[in-house]
């Protein structure tokens, strides 16, 4: 469920950044700030994806891919 929230938040951030770029199309300084925010959004997406992959690996190791915790 957290993946859904993260995906929605990233999508909303991209939409807001795009609207800012459109609104500031005549101002190069503000437009470059909006483009810079896309790098931060991409970085957040990478961190979110990496955390989901790491959590999946840990769960797979802890359950031995059986659904039950080892030692239970």
Protein backbone atom coordinates (compact mmCIF):
# COMPACT_ATOMS: atom_id res chain seq x y z
CA UNK A 1 0.00 0.00 0.00
CA UNK A 2 2.92 2.37 0.70
CA UNK A 3 4.04 1.90 -2.91
CA UNK A 4 0.69 3.26 -4.07
CA UNK A 5 1.05 6.35 -1.91
CA UNK A 6 4.58 6.91 -3.13
CA UNK A 7 3.54 6.53 -6.76
CA UNK A 8 0.66 8.96 -6.34
CA UNK A 9 2.93 11.46 -4.60
CA UNK A 10 5.56 11.24 -7.35
CA UNK A 11 2.88 11.64 -10.04
CA UNK A 12 1.41 14.66 -8.29
CA UNK A 13 4.87 16.19 -7.92
CA UNK A 14 5.56 15.78 -11.64
CA UNK A 15 2.22 17.40 -12.48
CA UNK A 16 2.93 20.35 -10.18
CA UNK A 17 6.43 20.78 -11.65
CA UNK A 18 4.99 20.69 -15.17
CA UNK A 19 2.39 23.31 -14.31
CA UNK A 20 5.12 25.51 -12.83
CA UNK A 21 7.19 25.14 -15.99
CA UNK A 22 4.23 26.11 -18.15
CA UNK A 23 3.35 29.05 -15.92
CA UNK A 24 6.95 30.30 -15.89
CA UNK A 25 7.67 29.73 -19.57
CA UNK A 26 8.60 33.41 -20.07
CA UNK A 27 10.94 33.58 -17.06
CA UNK A 28 14.14 31.55 -17.65
CA UNK A 29 15.26 31.71 -13.99
CA UNK A 30 12.01 30.33 -12.56
CA UNK A 31 11.73 27.79 -15.38
CA UNK A 32 15.20 26.42 -14.59
CA UNK A 33 14.20 26.10 -10.92
CA UNK A 34 11.18 24.04 -12.01
CA UNK A 35 13.36 21.81 -14.16
CA UNK A 36 15.72 21.36 -11.21
CA UNK A 37 12.83 20.12 -9.11
CA UNK A 38 12.38 17.25 -11.55
CA UNK A 39 15.81 15.95 -10.54
CA UNK A 40 14.71 15.86 -6.90
CA UNK A 41 11.52 14.03 -7.90
CA UNK A 42 13.53 11.44 -9.84
CA UNK A 43 15.86 11.00 -6.88
CA UNK A 44 12.91 10.39 -4.60
CA UNK A 45 11.52 7.82 -7.02
CA UNK A 46 14.84 5.98 -7.10
CA UNK A 47 15.00 5.94 -3.30
CA UNK A 48 11.41 4.67 -3.09
CA UNK A 49 12.09 1.92 -5.63
CA UNK A 50 15.33 0.87 -3.96
CA UNK A 51 13.66 0.67 -0.56
CA UNK A 52 10.92 -1.58 -1.96
CA UNK A 53 13.49 -3.86 -3.58
CA UNK A 54 15.53 -4.10 -0.37
CA UNK A 55 12.41 -4.79 1.69
CA UNK A 56 11.40 -7.53 -0.76
CA UNK A 57 14.81 -9.15 -0.50
CA UNK A 58 14.73 -9.05 3.31
CA UNK A 59 11.23 -10.54 3.42
CA UNK A 60 12.23 -13.24 0.95
CA UNK A 61 15.24 -14.18 3.09
CA UNK A 62 13.25 -14.06 6.35
CA UNK A 63 10.47 -16.29 5.03
CA UNK A 64 12.58 -18.50 2.76
CA UNK A 65 9.98 -17.75 0.09
CA UNK A 66 7.40 -19.81 1.98
CA UNK A 67 5.27 -17.13 3.58
CA UNK A 68 6.18 -18.26 7.08
CA UNK A 69 8.99 -16.83 9.16
CA UNK A 70 11.99 -19.08 9.57
CA UNK A 71 12.17 -20.78 12.96
CA UNK A 72 8.40 -20.65 13.48
